[in-house]
Amino acid sequence: MKSLLKPFASATATAARAQPEASPRRALLSLAFSMLLSSLGSSIANVGLPTLAQAFDASFQDVQWVVLAYLLASTTLIVSVGRLGDLFGRRRLMLAGILLFTVASALCGTAATLWLLIAARALQGLGAAIMLALSMALIGETLPKAQTGSAMGLLGSMSAIGTALGPPLGGMLIAAGGWQAIFLVNLPLGLLAWLLAWRRLPADRPQAQPVRFDHLGSLLLALALAAYALAMTLGRGNFDLLNAALLLAAAGCLGLFVLVEARVAAPLVHLAMFRDPALAASFVMSALVMTVMMTTLVVGPFYLAGALALDTAQVGLVMATGPLVSALAGVPAGRIVDRCGAQRMTLAGLGILLAGALLLPRLPLSLGVAGYIVPLTLITAGYALFQAANNTAVMAEVRPDQRGVLSGLLNLSRNLGLITGASVMGAVFALGAATSDPAAGDPATAHPDAVAAGLHATFSVGAALILLALLISFASHARAQRIASPGG
């Protein structure tokens, strides 16, 4: 960790704000650890689902809510908690979020019934939303602007490490102490994160005027996001009347949200900010890229097992390539962004992503497993560069009183991409496999050629999405250059 933080050792003392002891380097250590903890909390529970099904004598559909409750809470509330941080103090809310995450972890580990566990996981997801939204928002208060890219790269690395560490750590903890251990391990980690934040984060600035929170707008946005997330996740890929009704409900709540935000005196989200094409482009590109990144996680295991005939352990090793590359590439990517500029590196990251998406369904045909690992490495490295550049472009220029809500919106676009990638791209994969082999009802049992056809169809769509993001980035970059030119 210390080696990762070396670039920040020379940051000026003025970034520490009102807390003399809160050096930029130590404050960044606190934010990085909070990011690691929230990512670990998300990924560590997945490996425990079979054990939970046995422990509570529950169906697979029921225990899936252990994961879904966390995802729903973090997705639906992340914008609201970011805004609360802007209004009432980010350090204060960050401390409350870490404490909530830790207490909820204790409730998870001592839950007597499955539904108590699910409720506690929702509380844990709320705590994670606070940590995710405010970690990026606090970067602007702890570091000079010139180091924003490196900081964003470090947070990306910590997120990747937490995601990669969750499954193996969860497996070891379940073997040693039962399913309760995957939640109780967060108690010492949460206490450490709270102490680091309390000691190292800069003090909140006093509010110059009374603050107002948009309760109705927050409720409508949460309902819209919850309805969309449920529409995309319920039914395990089968789209029926319930899914359609949820999508209609999401659209209706979103429409009401827009009407409310245009009329209230202190809106949750200032709609005028979306008139900035660069900002709107950043959110759209983030969602498109995360849709493709989730596709590698959803489709990859089926292809590796079904088309390349790898066993479970081998599939796990190949799939670990992505998080490993992301963890290693995050900090270098951030340094490159600081040196070369966010706009150019956004284009470069998307270009690398596009090359990987085009090669992924083709190289394994001639090179086997190596032909899968090389494009996956390109995709992940391109994502690390894009994420550092895109997050920097948004957060480096934002007004101090809008950092929390914009950080929340960035994380929201990421989560929406994850949800869409898991559902829509999974359906594209199944359709592609069924088109090649109509007799195969499930990609898991389809002929290897059909699985390969499904992968080809999926990443053809994925490449088109990245190409769309590239076009959006080009248009945004061109417009920024026109505005910056003397005649603009």
Protein backbone atom coordinates (compact mmCIF):
# COMPACT_ATOMS: atom_id res chain seq x y z
CA MET A 1 0.00 0.00 0.00
CA LYS A 2 2.82 2.43 0.84
CA SER A 3 4.38 1.99 -2.58
CA LEU A 4 1.06 2.81 -4.21
CA LEU A 5 0.85 6.01 -2.20
CA LYS A 6 4.32 7.36 -3.04
CA PRO A 7 3.05 9.74 -5.75
CA PHE A 8 1.02 11.58 -3.14
CA ALA A 9 3.76 12.11 -0.57
CA SER A 10 4.65 15.55 -1.95
CA ALA A 11 1.11 16.97 -1.85
CA THR A 12 0.87 20.41 -0.31
CA ALA A 13 -0.17 20.95 3.27
CA THR A 14 -3.02 23.20 2.23
CA ALA A 15 -4.98 20.16 0.99
CA ALA A 16 -5.35 19.02 4.58
CA ARG A 17 -7.86 21.85 5.19
CA ALA A 18 -8.96 22.26 8.78
CA GLN A 19 -7.29 19.17 10.25
CA PRO A 20 -3.55 19.70 10.67
CA GLU A 21 -2.92 15.98 11.24
CA ALA A 22 -4.78 14.91 8.08
CA SER A 23 -1.98 14.78 5.52
CA PRO A 24 -3.06 14.13 1.93
CA ARG A 25 -1.20 10.81 1.82
CA ARG A 26 -2.81 9.50 5.00
CA ALA A 27 -6.24 10.78 4.03
CA LEU A 28 -5.93 8.95 0.71
CA LEU A 29 -4.99 5.78 2.59
CA SER A 30 -8.28 6.07 4.48
CA LEU A 31 -10.31 6.57 1.29
CA ALA A 32 -8.55 3.67 -0.46
CA PHE A 33 -9.26 1.34 2.46
CA SER A 34 -12.94 2.35 2.49
CA MET A 35 -13.16 1.59 -1.25
CA LEU A 36 -11.53 -1.81 -0.66
CA LEU A 37 -13.98 -2.61 2.15
CA SER A 38 -17.10 -1.74 0.14
CA SER A 39 -15.92 -3.81 -2.87
CA LEU A 40 -15.03 -6.75 -0.63
CA GLY A 41 -18.48 -6.61 0.97
CA SER A 42 -20.06 -6.86 -2.46
CA SER A 43 -18.04 -9.80 -3.80
CA ILE A 44 -17.47 -11.94 -0.73
CA ALA A 45 -21.11 -12.99 -0.32
CA ASN A 46 -21.46 -14.59 -3.78
CA VAL A 47 -19.34 -17.60 -2.90
CA GLY A 48 -21.50 -18.28 0.16
CA LEU A 49 -24.86 -18.66 -1.61
CA PRO A 50 -24.81 -22.50 -1.81
CA THR A 51 -23.88 -22.69 1.89
CA LEU A 52 -26.63 -20.24 2.81
CA ALA A 53 -29.19 -22.26 0.84
CA GLN A 54 -28.29 -25.33 2.92
CA ALA A 55 -28.09 -23.46 6.24
CA PHE A 56 -31.53 -21.87 5.87
CA ASP A 57 -33.11 -24.70 3.84
CA ALA A 58 -33.94 -22.13 1.16
CA SER A 59 -34.18 -22.16 -2.62
CA PHE A 60 -31.53 -20.65 -4.84
CA GLN A 61 -33.99 -17.92 -5.88
CA ASP A 62 -34.47 -16.96 -2.22
CA VAL A 63 -30.78 -16.82 -1.29
CA GLN A 64 -30.09 -14.69 -4.38
CA TRP A 65 -31.74 -11.86 -2.45
CA VAL A 66 -28.67 -11.81 -0.18
CA VAL A 67 -26.77 -10.39 -3.17
CA LEU A 68 -29.69 -8.52 -4.70
CA ALA A 69 -30.56 -6.61 -1.50
CA TYR A 70 -27.01 -5.23 -1.31
CA LEU A 71 -27.07 -4.27 -5.00
CA LEU A 72 -30.49 -2.60 -4.78
CA ALA A 73 -29.62 -0.56 -1.69
CA SER A 74 -26.31 0.65 -3.06
CA THR A 75 -27.79 1.46 -6.49
CA THR A 76 -31.00 3.20 -5.44
CA LEU A 77 -29.53 5.39 -2.72
CA ILE A 78 -26.06 6.29 -3.96
CA VAL A 79 -27.07 9.64 -5.50
CA SER A 80 -29.05 10.67 -2.41
CA VAL A 81 -26.23 9.87 0.02
CA GLY A 82 -23.80 11.79 -2.19
CA ARG A 83 -26.07 14.83 -1.97
CA LEU A 84 -26.42 14.42 1.79
CA GLY A 85 -22.64 14.55 2.02
CA ASP A 86 -22.63 17.83 0.07
CA LEU A 87 -25.21 19.33 2.44
CA PHE A 88 -24.28 18.03 5.89
CA GLY A 89 -20.57 17.25 5.67
CA ARG A 90 -18.75 14.46 3.84
CA ARG A 91 -16.45 13.45 6.69
CA ARG A 92 -19.37 13.21 9.11
CA LEU A 93 -21.44 11.11 6.70
CA MET A 94 -18.46 8.92 5.76
CA LEU A 95 -17.93 8.05 9.43
CA ALA A 96 -21.64 7.25 9.75
CA GLY A 97 -21.53 5.10 6.60
CA ILE A 98 -18.55 3.05 7.79
CA LEU A 99 -20.23 2.57 11.17
CA LEU A 100 -23.49 1.49 9.49
CA PHE A 101 -21.61 -0.96 7.26
CA THR A 102 -19.84 -2.45 10.29
CA VAL A 103 -22.96 -2.76 12.45
CA ALA A 104 -24.90 -4.25 9.53
CA SER A 105 -22.09 -6.80 9.04
CA ALA A 106 -22.53 -7.87 12.66
CA LEU A 107 -26.29 -8.20 12.11
CA CYS A 108 -25.62 -10.31 9.00
CA GLY A 109 -23.30 -12.65 10.91
CA THR A 110 -25.83 -13.16 13.74
CA ALA A 111 -29.03 -13.35 11.64
CA ALA A 112 -31.32 -16.16 12.76
CA THR A 113 -33.41 -16.26 9.58
CA LEU A 114 -32.74 -15.71 5.90
CA TRP A 115 -34.99 -12.65 5.71
CA LEU A 116 -33.24 -11.01 8.66
CA LEU A 117 -29.98 -11.63 6.81
CA ILE A 118 -31.41 -10.04 3.66
CA ALA A 119 -32.58 -6.98 5.62
CA ALA A 120 -29.15 -6.62 7.21
CA ARG A 121 -27.54 -6.91 3.77
CA ALA A 122 -29.70 -4.00 2.58
CA LEU A 123 -28.36 -1.90 5.48
CA GLN A 124 -24.86 -3.02 4.59
CA GLY A 125 -25.48 -1.93 1.00
CA LEU A 126 -26.53 1.53 2.22
CA GLY A 127 -23.28 1.82 4.16
CA ALA A 128 -21.36 0.74 1.05
CA ALA A 129 -23.19 3.36 -1.05
CA ILE A 130 -22.02 6.08 1.34
CA MET A 131 -18.41 4.88 1.17
CA LEU A 132 -18.45 4.58 -2.62
CA ALA A 133 -20.02 7.98 -3.25
CA LEU A 134 -17.95 9.94 -0.75
CA SER A 135 -14.56 8.31 -1.42
CA MET A 136 -14.38 9.98 -4.84
CA ALA A 137 -16.00 13.19 -3.58
CA LEU A 138 -13.40 13.58 -0.81
CA ILE A 139 -10.50 13.37 -3.27
CA GLY A 140 -11.05 17.04 -4.14
CA GLU A 141 -10.70 18.00 -0.47
CA THR A 142 -7.55 15.98 0.24
CA LEU A 143 -5.33 16.29 -2.85
CA PRO A 144 -4.21 18.97 -5.31
CA LYS A 145 -6.05 18.98 -8.62
CA ALA A 146 -2.94 17.86 -10.52
CA GLN A 147 -3.00 14.52 -8.68
CA THR A 148 -6.68 13.71 -9.21
CA GLY A 149 -5.97 11.12 -11.91
CA SER A 150 -3.48 9.21 -9.77
CA ALA A 151 -5.94 9.20 -6.88
CA MET A 152 -8.75 7.91 -9.09
CA GLY A 153 -6.43 5.20 -10.38
CA LEU A 154 -5.63 4.12 -6.83
CA LEU A 155 -9.32 3.93 -5.91
CA GLY A 156 -9.89 1.83 -9.04
CA SER A 157 -7.10 -0.52 -7.99
CA MET A 158 -8.55 -0.89 -4.50
CA SER A 159 -11.98 -1.65 -5.96
CA ALA A 160 -10.48 -4.33 -8.20
CA ILE A 161 -8.48 -5.86 -5.34
CA GLY A 162 -11.61 -6.04 -3.17
CA THR A 163 -13.59 -7.64 -5.98
CA ALA A 164 -10.85 -10.20 -6.71
CA LEU A 165 -10.16 -10.95 -3.04
CA GLY A 166 -13.80 -11.62 -2.12
CA PRO A 167 -14.36 -15.14 -3.58
CA PRO A 168 -11.11 -16.81 -2.39
CA LEU A 169 -11.25 -15.13 1.02
CA GLY A 170 -14.92 -16.04 1.37
CA GLY A 171 -14.21 -19.67 0.54
CA MET A 172 -11.47 -19.89 3.16
CA LEU A 173 -13.59 -18.17 5.82
CA ILE A 174 -16.59 -20.45 5.21
CA ALA A 175 -14.34 -23.51 5.47
CA ALA A 176 -12.83 -22.25 8.73
CA GLY A 177 -15.79 -20.65 10.50
CA GLY A 178 -19.03 -21.21 8.59
CA TRP A 179 -21.07 -18.71 6.55
CA GLN A 180 -21.16 -16.25 9.46
CA ALA A 181 -17.43 -15.61 9.06
CA ILE A 182 -17.80 -13.90 5.66
CA PHE A 183 -19.77 -11.14 7.37
CA LEU A 184 -18.08 -11.03 10.78
CA VAL A 185 -14.68 -10.48 9.14
CA ASN A 186 -15.91 -6.95 8.40
CA LEU A 187 -16.00 -6.08 12.11
CA PRO A 188 -12.24 -5.57 12.60
CA LEU A 189 -11.89 -4.23 9.06
CA GLY A 190 -14.74 -1.77 9.57
CA LEU A 191 -13.32 -0.61 12.90
CA LEU A 192 -9.96 0.01 11.24
CA ALA A 193 -11.61 1.92 8.37
CA TRP A 194 -13.57 4.07 10.86
CA LEU A 195 -10.45 4.90 12.88
CA LEU A 196 -8.52 5.81 9.74
CA ALA A 197 -11.33 8.07 8.54
CA TRP A 198 -11.73 9.70 11.96
CA ARG A 199 -8.01 10.41 12.26
CA ARG A 200 -7.12 11.25 8.67
CA LEU A 201 -10.01 12.87 6.78
CA PRO A 202 -10.20 16.69 6.71
CA ALA A 203 -12.80 18.34 8.89
CA ASP A 204 -16.07 19.43 7.33
CA ARG A 205 -16.50 23.09 6.53
CA PRO A 206 -19.28 24.85 8.45
CA GLN A 207 -22.39 25.56 6.38
CA ALA A 208 -22.83 29.23 5.52
CA GLN A 209 -26.61 28.92 5.15
CA PRO A 210 -29.41 26.52 6.16
CA VAL A 211 -29.50 23.36 4.08
CA ARG A 212 -32.52 21.69 2.52
CA PHE A 213 -32.75 18.13 1.25
CA ASP A 214 -35.03 17.10 -1.61
CA HIS A 215 -36.99 14.27 0.04
CA LEU A 216 -39.59 13.81 -2.71
CA GLY A 217 -36.99 13.81 -5.49
CA SER A 218 -34.87 11.31 -3.57
CA LEU A 219 -37.86 8.99 -3.09
CA LEU A 220 -38.88 9.14 -6.76
CA LEU A 221 -35.34 8.49 -7.99
CA ALA A 222 -34.92 5.58 -5.57
CA LEU A 223 -38.23 4.06 -6.74
CA ALA A 224 -37.25 4.47 -10.40
CA LEU A 225 -33.86 2.85 -9.88
CA ALA A 226 -35.26 0.04 -7.76
CA ALA A 227 -37.92 -0.75 -10.37
CA TYR A 228 -35.31 -0.78 -13.15
CA ALA A 229 -32.90 -2.95 -11.17
CA LEU A 230 -35.66 -5.45 -10.34
CA ALA A 231 -36.86 -5.50 -13.96
CA MET A 232 -33.34 -6.38 -15.10
CA THR A 233 -32.61 -9.00 -12.43
CA LEU A 234 -35.87 -10.85 -11.74
CA GLY A 235 -36.81 -13.87 -13.81
CA ARG A 236 -33.24 -15.07 -14.45
CA GLY A 237 -33.28 -13.86 -18.05
CA ASN A 238 -36.98 -14.51 -18.78
CA PHE A 239 -38.73 -11.23 -19.60
CA ASP A 240 -42.43 -11.40 -18.74
CA LEU A 241 -45.30 -9.12 -17.75
CA LEU A 242 -43.80 -8.43 -14.32
CA ASN A 243 -40.55 -7.21 -15.87
CA ALA A 244 -42.47 -5.04 -18.35
CA ALA A 245 -44.58 -3.55 -15.54
CA LEU A 246 -41.45 -2.76 -13.54
CA LEU A 247 -39.88 -1.02 -16.53
CA LEU A 248 -43.05 1.05 -17.00
CA ALA A 249 -42.99 1.93 -13.31
CA ALA A 250 -39.33 2.95 -13.60
CA ALA A 251 -40.11 5.19 -16.57
CA GLY A 252 -43.09 6.75 -14.76
CA CYS A 253 -41.12 7.47 -11.59
CA LEU A 254 -38.27 8.90 -13.64
CA GLY A 255 -40.67 11.23 -15.46
CA LEU A 256 -42.12 12.43 -12.15
CA PHE A 257 -38.61 12.89 -10.80
CA VAL A 258 -37.71 15.18 -13.72
CA LEU A 259 -40.87 17.24 -13.15
CA VAL A 260 -40.16 17.59 -9.44
CA GLU A 261 -36.51 18.52 -9.95
CA ALA A 262 -37.50 21.30 -12.37
CA ARG A 263 -39.78 22.87 -9.74
CA VAL A 264 -38.23 22.47 -6.27
CA ALA A 265 -36.00 25.18 -4.83
CA ALA A 266 -33.21 22.80 -3.73
CA PRO A 267 -33.26 19.80 -6.12
CA LEU A 268 -31.42 16.57 -5.49
CA VAL A 269 -29.93 16.80 -9.00
CA HIS A 270 -29.66 20.10 -10.85
CA LEU A 271 -30.97 19.12 -14.28
CA ALA A 272 -29.06 22.02 -15.82
CA MET A 273 -25.82 20.11 -15.29
CA PHE A 274 -26.90 17.65 -17.98
CA ARG A 275 -26.87 20.51 -20.49
CA ASP A 276 -23.10 20.22 -20.28
CA PRO A 277 -22.42 17.74 -23.11
CA ALA A 278 -19.08 16.64 -21.63
CA LEU A 279 -20.66 15.73 -18.29
CA ALA A 280 -23.60 13.91 -19.86
CA ALA A 281 -21.18 12.09 -22.18
CA SER A 282 -19.11 10.91 -19.20
CA PHE A 283 -22.14 9.31 -17.54
CA VAL A 284 -23.30 7.59 -20.75
CA MET A 285 -19.82 6.30 -21.57
CA SER A 286 -19.41 4.93 -18.05
CA ALA A 287 -22.65 2.96 -18.33
CA LEU A 288 -21.73 1.60 -21.79
CA VAL A 289 -18.25 0.53 -20.70
CA MET A 290 -19.50 -1.15 -17.52
CA THR A 291 -22.08 -3.06 -19.57
CA VAL A 292 -19.24 -4.60 -21.59
CA MET A 293 -17.09 -5.23 -18.51
CA MET A 294 -19.93 -7.12 -16.85
CA THR A 295 -20.28 -9.18 -20.04
CA THR A 296 -16.81 -10.63 -19.53
CA LEU A 297 -17.85 -11.84 -16.06
CA VAL A 298 -21.22 -13.26 -17.13
CA VAL A 299 -20.32 -14.86 -20.46
CA GLY A 300 -16.67 -15.73 -19.85
CA PRO A 301 -17.16 -18.76 -17.56
CA PHE A 302 -19.64 -20.39 -19.99
CA TYR A 303 -17.24 -19.98 -22.90
CA LEU A 304 -14.18 -21.17 -21.01
CA ALA A 305 -15.97 -24.27 -19.74
CA GLY A 306 -18.19 -25.02 -22.74
CA ALA A 307 -15.98 -24.11 -25.71
CA LEU A 308 -12.44 -24.42 -24.31
CA ALA A 309 -13.25 -27.40 -22.01
CA LEU A 310 -11.60 -25.96 -18.87
CA ASP A 311 -12.45 -27.32 -15.43
CA THR A 312 -13.74 -25.11 -12.62
CA ALA A 313 -10.31 -24.37 -11.15
CA GLN A 314 -8.90 -23.45 -14.56
CA VAL A 315 -11.87 -21.20 -15.30
CA GLY A 316 -11.28 -19.41 -12.00
CA LEU A 317 -7.61 -18.84 -12.80
CA VAL A 318 -8.35 -17.42 -16.26
CA MET A 319 -11.13 -15.21 -14.90
CA ALA A 320 -8.76 -13.88 -12.23
CA THR A 321 -6.75 -12.26 -15.04
CA GLY A 322 -9.21 -9.38 -15.27
CA PRO A 323 -9.18 -8.23 -11.62
CA LEU A 324 -5.41 -8.78 -11.43
CA VAL A 325 -4.74 -6.57 -14.47
CA SER A 326 -7.18 -3.96 -13.17
CA ALA A 327 -5.48 -3.88 -9.77
CA LEU A 328 -2.01 -3.54 -11.31
CA ALA A 329 -3.01 -1.03 -13.98
CA GLY A 330 -5.02 1.39 -11.83
CA VAL A 331 -2.22 3.55 -10.40
CA PRO A 332 -0.09 3.67 -13.61
CA ALA A 333 -3.23 4.58 -15.54
CA GLY A 334 -3.92 7.43 -13.13
CA ARG A 335 -0.38 8.77 -13.50
CA ILE A 336 -0.71 8.68 -17.29
CA VAL A 337 -3.97 10.64 -17.03
CA ASP A 338 -2.30 13.30 -14.87
CA ARG A 339 0.54 13.56 -17.38
CA CYS A 340 -1.33 13.37 -20.69
CA GLY A 341 -4.78 14.75 -19.89
CA ALA A 342 -8.15 13.17 -19.22
CA GLN A 343 -9.76 13.73 -22.62
CA ARG A 344 -7.00 12.09 -24.66
CA MET A 345 -6.69 9.17 -22.27
CA THR A 346 -10.46 8.61 -22.37
CA LEU A 347 -10.13 8.11 -26.12
CA ALA A 348 -7.06 5.89 -25.68
CA GLY A 349 -8.77 3.72 -23.08
CA LEU A 350 -11.84 3.26 -25.26
CA GLY A 351 -9.64 2.40 -28.24
CA ILE A 352 -7.87 -0.34 -26.27
CA LEU A 353 -11.24 -1.62 -25.05
CA LEU A 354 -12.56 -1.78 -28.61
CA ALA A 355 -9.50 -3.73 -29.79
CA GLY A 356 -9.97 -6.26 -26.98
CA ALA A 357 -13.70 -6.65 -27.65
CA LEU A 358 -13.04 -7.29 -31.35
CA LEU A 359 -10.29 -9.84 -30.67
CA LEU A 360 -11.95 -11.77 -27.83
CA PRO A 361 -14.27 -14.00 -29.93
CA ARG A 362 -11.60 -14.50 -32.64
CA LEU A 363 -8.18 -15.18 -31.09
CA PRO A 364 -9.24 -18.25 -29.02
CA LEU A 365 -10.18 -20.02 -32.25
CA SER A 366 -6.49 -20.25 -33.17
CA LEU A 367 -4.64 -19.73 -29.86
CA GLY A 368 -6.93 -21.41 -27.33
CA VAL A 369 -6.75 -20.19 -23.73
CA ALA A 370 -3.89 -17.78 -24.49
CA GLY A 371 -6.05 -16.28 -27.21
CA TYR A 372 -8.70 -15.55 -24.58
CA ILE A 373 -6.32 -14.12 -21.96
CA VAL A 374 -4.66 -11.60 -24.30
CA PRO A 375 -7.90 -9.82 -25.34
CA LEU A 376 -9.19 -9.98 -21.75
CA THR A 377 -6.00 -8.25 -20.63
CA LEU A 378 -6.52 -5.55 -23.28
CA ILE A 379 -10.13 -5.03 -22.23
CA THR A 380 -9.23 -4.72 -18.56
CA ALA A 381 -6.24 -2.43 -19.13
CA GLY A 382 -8.35 -0.23 -21.40
CA TYR A 383 -11.05 -0.11 -18.74
CA ALA A 384 -8.54 0.94 -16.05
CA LEU A 385 -7.30 3.79 -18.25
CA PHE A 386 -10.82 4.86 -19.25
CA GLN A 387 -12.12 4.79 -15.67
CA ALA A 388 -9.24 6.89 -14.31
CA ALA A 389 -9.60 9.40 -17.16
CA ASN A 390 -13.40 9.61 -17.11
CA ASN A 391 -13.64 9.95 -13.32
CA THR A 392 -10.92 12.62 -13.39
CA ALA A 393 -12.69 14.56 -16.14
CA VAL A 394 -15.86 14.69 -14.02
CA MET A 395 -14.44 15.23 -10.55
CA ALA A 396 -11.50 17.59 -11.26
CA GLU A 397 -13.66 20.49 -12.45
CA VAL A 398 -16.75 20.07 -10.28
CA ARG A 399 -17.90 22.74 -7.83
CA PRO A 400 -17.09 21.81 -4.22
CA ASP A 401 -20.79 21.80 -3.22
CA GLN A 402 -21.62 19.32 -6.01
CA ARG A 403 -18.83 16.74 -5.50
CA GLY A 404 -20.98 14.28 -3.57
CA VAL A 405 -23.93 14.17 -5.94
CA LEU A 406 -21.70 13.95 -9.04
CA SER A 407 -19.69 11.15 -7.44
CA GLY A 408 -22.99 9.42 -6.72
CA LEU A 409 -24.10 9.83 -10.33
CA LEU A 410 -20.81 8.37 -11.58
CA ASN A 411 -21.21 5.34 -9.33
CA LEU A 412 -24.86 5.08 -10.38
CA SER A 413 -23.93 4.95 -14.07
CA ARG A 414 -21.44 2.21 -13.21
CA ASN A 415 -24.04 0.16 -11.32
CA LEU A 416 -26.63 0.57 -14.08
CA GLY A 417 -24.05 -0.73 -16.55
CA LEU A 418 -23.38 -3.75 -14.33
CA ILE A 419 -27.08 -4.53 -14.03
CA THR A 420 -27.71 -4.09 -17.76
CA GLY A 421 -24.67 -6.15 -18.70
CA ALA A 422 -25.72 -9.04 -16.49
CA SER A 423 -29.24 -9.16 -17.88
CA VAL A 424 -29.30 -7.87 -21.46
CA MET A 425 -25.90 -9.17 -22.55
CA GLY A 426 -26.61 -12.50 -20.89
CA ALA A 427 -29.77 -12.71 -22.98
CA VAL A 428 -27.80 -11.85 -26.15
CA PHE A 429 -25.37 -14.68 -25.36
CA ALA A 430 -28.20 -17.18 -24.87
CA LEU A 431 -29.88 -16.03 -28.09
CA GLY A 432 -26.64 -16.31 -30.07
CA ALA A 433 -26.04 -19.83 -28.80
CA ALA A 434 -29.65 -20.87 -29.50
CA THR A 435 -29.48 -19.46 -33.03
CA SER A 436 -26.49 -21.67 -33.78
CA ASP A 437 -27.90 -24.72 -31.97
CA PRO A 438 -31.72 -24.55 -31.71
CA ALA A 439 -31.76 -27.82 -29.74
CA ALA A 440 -29.76 -26.27 -26.90
CA GLY A 441 -32.09 -24.80 -24.30
CA ASP A 442 -29.29 -23.63 -21.99
CA PRO A 443 -25.84 -22.24 -22.89
CA ALA A 444 -24.39 -24.37 -20.08
CA THR A 445 -25.28 -27.55 -22.02
CA ALA A 446 -24.92 -26.23 -25.57
CA HIS A 447 -22.48 -27.60 -28.16
CA PRO A 448 -19.03 -25.89 -28.08
CA ASP A 449 -19.66 -24.35 -31.50
CA ALA A 450 -22.94 -22.89 -30.24
CA VAL A 451 -21.20 -21.42 -27.17
CA ALA A 452 -18.57 -19.87 -29.46
CA ALA A 453 -21.36 -18.42 -31.62
CA GLY A 454 -22.97 -16.95 -28.50
CA LEU A 455 -19.68 -15.33 -27.49
CA HIS A 456 -19.25 -13.91 -31.00
CA ALA A 457 -22.75 -12.41 -30.96
CA THR A 458 -22.30 -10.97 -27.48
CA PHE A 459 -19.00 -9.26 -28.16
CA SER A 460 -20.19 -8.01 -31.53
CA VAL A 461 -22.82 -6.10 -29.54
CA GLY A 462 -20.17 -5.20 -26.94
CA ALA A 463 -17.83 -3.83 -29.61
CA ALA A 464 -20.72 -1.76 -31.01
CA LEU A 465 -21.35 -0.30 -27.54
CA ILE A 466 -17.67 0.64 -27.15
CA LEU A 467 -17.68 2.13 -30.65
CA LEU A 468 -20.70 4.22 -29.62
CA ALA A 469 -18.81 5.38 -26.52
CA LEU A 470 -15.84 6.29 -28.74
CA LEU A 471 -18.05 8.36 -31.03
CA ILE A 472 -19.56 10.13 -28.00
CA SER A 473 -16.06 10.84 -26.69
CA PHE A 474 -14.87 12.15 -30.08
CA ALA A 475 -17.90 14.44 -30.33
CA SER A 476 -17.42 15.73 -26.77
CA HIS A 477 -13.69 16.28 -27.35
CA ALA A 478 -14.30 18.09 -30.64
CA ARG A 479 -16.89 20.35 -29.05
CA ALA A 480 -14.54 21.20 -26.18
CA GLN A 481 -11.82 22.12 -28.67
CA ARG A 482 -14.22 24.39 -30.59
CA ILE A 483 -15.22 26.17 -27.40
CA ALA A 484 -11.57 26.56 -26.37
CA SER A 485 -10.51 27.99 -29.74
CA PRO A 486 -10.49 31.78 -30.20
CA GLY A 487 -13.43 31.64 -32.59
CA GLY A 488 -15.43 29.19 -30.41
